Amino acid sequence: MVSDWNYRAGGLMHGSYTTRVAMKKLSPDQLRRLDFKLAPLP
């Protein structure tokens, strides 16, 4: 089982650690189509 969290603030998505890992396998075009920006990691 995988558990993760996220929230949006200031136009950026915070958390989403599972998403960050999965994004490494996407093409640049796929990343553009996601249309969201991740906040920097703490």
C-alpha atoms as a PDB file:
ATOM      1  CA  MET A   1       0.000   0.000   0.000  1.00  0.00           C
ATOM      2  CA  VAL A   2       1.230   3.501  -0.860  1.00  0.00           C
ATOM      3  CA  SER A   3       0.151   6.600   1.008  1.00  0.00           C
ATOM      4  CA  ASP A   4       0.923  10.145  -0.106  1.00  0.00           C
ATOM      5  CA  TRP A   5      -0.375  13.659   0.376  1.00  0.00           C
ATOM      6  CA  ASN A   6      -0.431  16.949  -1.504  1.00  0.00           C
ATOM      7  CA  TYR A   7      -1.949  20.408  -1.449  1.00  0.00           C
ATOM      8  CA  ARG A   8      -1.798  23.481  -3.658  1.00  0.00           C
ATOM      9  CA  ALA A   9      -0.642  26.846  -2.384  1.00  0.00           C
ATOM     10  CA  GLY A  10       0.597  29.813  -4.344  1.00  0.00           C
ATOM     11  CA  GLY A  11       0.102  27.957  -7.628  1.00  0.00           C
ATOM     12  CA  LEU A  12       2.456  25.157  -6.591  1.00  0.00           C
ATOM     13  CA  MET A  13       1.764  21.582  -5.543  1.00  0.00           C
ATOM     14  CA  HIS A  14       3.384  20.613  -2.245  1.00  0.00           C
ATOM     15  CA  GLY A  15       4.007  17.008  -1.207  1.00  0.00           C
ATOM     16  CA  SER A  16       3.178  14.545  -3.994  1.00  0.00           C
ATOM     17  CA  TYR A  17       6.271  12.456  -3.360  1.00  0.00           C
ATOM     18  CA  THR A  18       4.884   9.494  -5.317  1.00  0.00           C
ATOM     19  CA  THR A  19       4.132  11.800  -8.248  1.00  0.00           C
ATOM     20  CA  ARG A  20       7.691  13.141  -8.174  1.00  0.00           C
ATOM     21  CA  VAL A  21       9.084   9.618  -8.561  1.00  0.00           C
ATOM     22  CA  ALA A  22       6.638   8.685 -11.344  1.00  0.00           C
ATOM     23  CA  MET A  23       7.367  11.901 -13.269  1.00  0.00           C
ATOM     24  CA  LYS A  24      10.960  10.777 -13.866  1.00  0.00           C
ATOM     25  CA  LYS A  25       9.600   8.175 -16.300  1.00  0.00           C
ATOM     26  CA  LEU A  26       7.495  10.613 -18.363  1.00  0.00           C
ATOM     27  CA  SER A  27       8.506  12.312 -21.590  1.00  0.00           C
ATOM     28  CA  PRO A  28       8.860  16.121 -21.725  1.00  0.00           C
ATOM     29  CA  ASP A  29       5.591  16.265 -23.698  1.00  0.00           C
ATOM     30  CA  GLN A  30       3.753  14.254 -21.044  1.00  0.00           C
ATOM     31  CA  LEU A  31       5.119  16.522 -18.318  1.00  0.00           C
ATOM     32  CA  ARG A  32       3.885  19.631 -20.178  1.00  0.00           C
ATOM     33  CA  ARG A  33       0.397  18.130 -20.446  1.00  0.00           C
ATOM     34  CA  LEU A  34       0.207  17.585 -16.680  1.00  0.00           C
ATOM     35  CA  ASP A  35      -0.008  21.372 -16.345  1.00  0.00           C
ATOM     36  CA  PHE A  36       1.073  21.761 -12.727  1.00  0.00           C
ATOM     37  CA  LYS A  37       4.203  22.899 -10.972  1.00  0.00           C
ATOM     38  CA  LEU A  38       5.745  21.153  -8.001  1.00  0.00           C
ATOM     39  CA  ALA A  39       7.044  23.206  -5.123  1.00  0.00           C
ATOM     40  CA  PRO A  40      10.715  22.734  -4.217  1.00  0.00           C
ATOM     41  CA  LEU A  41      11.384  19.989  -1.711  1.00  0.00           C
ATOM     42  CA  PRO A  42      12.041  21.115   1.859  1.00  0.00           C
END
